Amino acid sequence: CNCCLIPCEPCEGSLLVGGDLATAEELSEVIRGRMLELTDPAQAQMLFDPSGNNGGTFSASAFWSKVTEYMQAVCLPSCETGYASTSSTRSHLYSPDQDTKWRKV
């Protein structure tokens, strides 16, 4: 249960993994289509297409639409603040997720 693919007692939720596949044939078809885009040079352009078998997983728009799921927002003095104008050191306070077993360490 440590991966939270299936919710369990220490977890607060479950990862969204793309829905259920009802039959072994569906599973085989989905994996085959996705792997083809990853391994066949003729299918490479579909890898970045939202209508492709990988559903745009690798598209820039998919990345930016979910950016807050994987990255933390930070505050800067203004929108014009560049990396070079910020101090070279910053303090960070990290707090692990509630379902992390080592959280109390």
C-alpha atoms as a PDB file:
ATOM      1  CA  CYS A   1       0.000   0.000   0.000  1.00  0.00           C
ATOM      2  CA  ASN A   2       3.023   2.333   0.271  1.00  0.00           C
ATOM      3  CA  CYS A   3       2.522   3.575  -3.279  1.00  0.00           C
ATOM      4  CA  CYS A   4      -1.070   4.833  -2.757  1.00  0.00           C
ATOM      5  CA  LEU A   5      -2.250   3.339  -6.040  1.00  0.00           C
ATOM      6  CA  ILE A   6      -4.941   1.807  -3.848  1.00  0.00           C
ATOM      7  CA  PRO A   7      -6.074   3.915  -0.866  1.00  0.00           C
ATOM      8  CA  CYS A   8      -5.211   2.380   2.486  1.00  0.00           C
ATOM      9  CA  GLU A   9      -5.165   3.462   6.117  1.00  0.00           C
ATOM     10  CA  PRO A  10      -2.053   5.719   6.076  1.00  0.00           C
ATOM     11  CA  CYS A  11      -3.024   7.330   2.739  1.00  0.00           C
ATOM     12  CA  GLU A  12      -5.119  10.427   2.186  1.00  0.00           C
ATOM     13  CA  GLY A  13      -5.903   9.548  -1.420  1.00  0.00           C
ATOM     14  CA  SER A  14      -4.995   7.595  -4.490  1.00  0.00           C
ATOM     15  CA  LEU A  15      -3.079   8.461  -7.635  1.00  0.00           C
ATOM     16  CA  LEU A  16      -5.194   9.032 -10.743  1.00  0.00           C
ATOM     17  CA  VAL A  17      -3.935   6.385 -13.135  1.00  0.00           C
ATOM     18  CA  GLY A  18      -6.181   6.912 -16.154  1.00  0.00           C
ATOM     19  CA  GLY A  19      -9.277   4.823 -15.579  1.00  0.00           C
ATOM     20  CA  ASP A  20     -10.139   1.147 -15.613  1.00  0.00           C
ATOM     21  CA  LEU A  21      -9.691  -1.337 -18.419  1.00  0.00           C
ATOM     22  CA  ALA A  22     -12.436  -3.975 -18.399  1.00  0.00           C
ATOM     23  CA  THR A  23     -10.723  -6.785 -20.326  1.00  0.00           C
ATOM     24  CA  ALA A  24      -7.276  -8.204 -21.014  1.00  0.00           C
ATOM     25  CA  GLU A  25      -7.798  -7.282 -24.672  1.00  0.00           C
ATOM     26  CA  GLU A  26      -8.359  -3.617 -23.764  1.00  0.00           C
ATOM     27  CA  LEU A  27      -5.229  -3.648 -21.619  1.00  0.00           C
ATOM     28  CA  SER A  28      -3.187  -5.199 -24.425  1.00  0.00           C
ATOM     29  CA  GLU A  29      -4.515  -2.707 -26.973  1.00  0.00           C
ATOM     30  CA  VAL A  30      -3.766   0.315 -24.767  1.00  0.00           C
ATOM     31  CA  ILE A  31      -0.236  -0.832 -23.921  1.00  0.00           C
ATOM     32  CA  ARG A  32       0.497  -1.737 -27.547  1.00  0.00           C
ATOM     33  CA  GLY A  33      -0.660   1.670 -28.798  1.00  0.00           C
ATOM     34  CA  ARG A  34       1.254   3.588 -26.164  1.00  0.00           C
ATOM     35  CA  MET A  35       4.440   1.593 -26.659  1.00  0.00           C
ATOM     36  CA  LEU A  36       4.222   2.028 -30.440  1.00  0.00           C
ATOM     37  CA  GLU A  37       4.343   5.803 -30.000  1.00  0.00           C
ATOM     38  CA  LEU A  38       7.389   5.413 -27.762  1.00  0.00           C
ATOM     39  CA  THR A  39       9.305   2.949 -29.933  1.00  0.00           C
ATOM     40  CA  ASP A  40       8.259   3.432 -33.587  1.00  0.00           C
ATOM     41  CA  PRO A  41       9.929   6.480 -35.226  1.00  0.00           C
ATOM     42  CA  ALA A  42       6.982   6.734 -37.649  1.00  0.00           C
ATOM     43  CA  GLN A  43       4.647   7.247 -34.666  1.00  0.00           C
ATOM     44  CA  ALA A  44       6.873   9.736 -32.807  1.00  0.00           C
ATOM     45  CA  GLN A  45       4.811  12.796 -33.777  1.00  0.00           C
ATOM     46  CA  MET A  46       1.769  11.265 -32.043  1.00  0.00           C
ATOM     47  CA  LEU A  47       3.644  11.136 -28.745  1.00  0.00           C
ATOM     48  CA  PHE A  48       3.086  14.876 -28.300  1.00  0.00           C
ATOM     49  CA  ASP A  49      -0.458  14.923 -29.721  1.00  0.00           C
ATOM     50  CA  PRO A  50      -3.357  15.036 -27.218  1.00  0.00           C
ATOM     51  CA  SER A  51      -5.342  12.753 -29.545  1.00  0.00           C
ATOM     52  CA  GLY A  52      -2.563  10.117 -29.528  1.00  0.00           C
ATOM     53  CA  ASN A  53      -2.529   6.878 -27.564  1.00  0.00           C
ATOM     54  CA  ASN A  54      -0.591   8.528 -24.747  1.00  0.00           C
ATOM     55  CA  GLY A  55      -3.278  11.210 -24.548  1.00  0.00           C
ATOM     56  CA  GLY A  56      -0.866  14.089 -24.781  1.00  0.00           C
ATOM     57  CA  THR A  57       1.024  12.941 -21.684  1.00  0.00           C
ATOM     58  CA  PHE A  58       4.172  14.421 -23.150  1.00  0.00           C
ATOM     59  CA  SER A  59       2.630  17.576 -24.610  1.00  0.00           C
ATOM     60  CA  ALA A  60       3.655  21.015 -23.378  1.00  0.00           C
ATOM     61  CA  SER A  61       0.020  21.987 -22.841  1.00  0.00           C
ATOM     62  CA  ALA A  62      -0.562  18.900 -20.677  1.00  0.00           C
ATOM     63  CA  PHE A  63       2.519  19.762 -18.639  1.00  0.00           C
ATOM     64  CA  TRP A  64       1.481  23.364 -18.003  1.00  0.00           C
ATOM     65  CA  SER A  65      -2.149  22.485 -17.288  1.00  0.00           C
ATOM     66  CA  LYS A  66      -0.988  20.265 -14.386  1.00  0.00           C
ATOM     67  CA  VAL A  67       2.034  22.253 -13.262  1.00  0.00           C
ATOM     68  CA  THR A  68       0.577  22.960  -9.815  1.00  0.00           C
ATOM     69  CA  GLU A  69       0.193  19.206  -9.166  1.00  0.00           C
ATOM     70  CA  TYR A  70       3.949  18.683  -9.354  1.00  0.00           C
ATOM     71  CA  MET A  71       5.495  22.049  -8.440  1.00  0.00           C
ATOM     72  CA  GLN A  72       5.074  24.534  -5.626  1.00  0.00           C
ATOM     73  CA  ALA A  73       4.283  28.174  -6.297  1.00  0.00           C
ATOM     74  CA  VAL A  74       6.782  30.662  -4.920  1.00  0.00           C
ATOM     75  CA  CYS A  75       6.346  34.324  -4.131  1.00  0.00           C
ATOM     76  CA  LEU A  76       8.630  36.990  -5.557  1.00  0.00           C
ATOM     77  CA  PRO A  77       8.568  40.738  -4.963  1.00  0.00           C
ATOM     78  CA  SER A  78       7.208  41.345  -8.487  1.00  0.00           C
ATOM     79  CA  CYS A  79       6.609  39.657 -11.839  1.00  0.00           C
ATOM     80  CA  GLU A  80       9.731  41.329 -13.195  1.00  0.00           C
ATOM     81  CA  THR A  81      12.015  39.760 -10.590  1.00  0.00           C
ATOM     82  CA  GLY A  82      14.566  37.623 -12.366  1.00  0.00           C
ATOM     83  CA  TYR A  83      16.693  34.828 -10.986  1.00  0.00           C
ATOM     84  CA  ALA A  84      19.814  36.980 -11.112  1.00  0.00           C
ATOM     85  CA  SER A  85      18.200  39.687  -8.959  1.00  0.00           C
ATOM     86  CA  THR A  86      17.216  37.365  -6.094  1.00  0.00           C
ATOM     87  CA  SER A  87      19.597  36.538  -3.257  1.00  0.00           C
ATOM     88  CA  SER A  88      21.744  33.469  -3.698  1.00  0.00           C
ATOM     89  CA  THR A  89      20.373  31.826  -0.545  1.00  0.00           C
ATOM     90  CA  ARG A  90      16.817  31.233   0.570  1.00  0.00           C
ATOM     91  CA  SER A  91      15.279  29.448   3.526  1.00  0.00           C
ATOM     92  CA  HIS A  92      12.946  26.543   2.812  1.00  0.00           C
ATOM     93  CA  LEU A  93      10.578  24.780   5.169  1.00  0.00           C
ATOM     94  CA  TYR A  94       9.603  21.334   3.897  1.00  0.00           C
ATOM     95  CA  SER A  95       6.697  19.374   5.271  1.00  0.00           C
ATOM     96  CA  PRO A  96       6.054  15.873   3.881  1.00  0.00           C
ATOM     97  CA  ASP A  97       2.576  14.692   2.920  1.00  0.00           C
ATOM     98  CA  GLN A  98       0.307  13.478   5.725  1.00  0.00           C
ATOM     99  CA  ASP A  99       0.528   9.859   4.508  1.00  0.00           C
ATOM    100  CA  THR A 100       4.346   9.736   4.500  1.00  0.00           C
ATOM    101  CA  LYS A 101       5.388   7.062   7.019  1.00  0.00           C
ATOM    102  CA  TRP A 102       8.545   8.880   8.110  1.00  0.00           C
ATOM    103  CA  ARG A 103       6.719  12.211   8.635  1.00  0.00           C
ATOM    104  CA  LYS A 104       7.133  12.057  12.447  1.00  0.00           C
ATOM    105  CA  VAL A 105      10.885  11.454  12.253  1.00  0.00           C
END
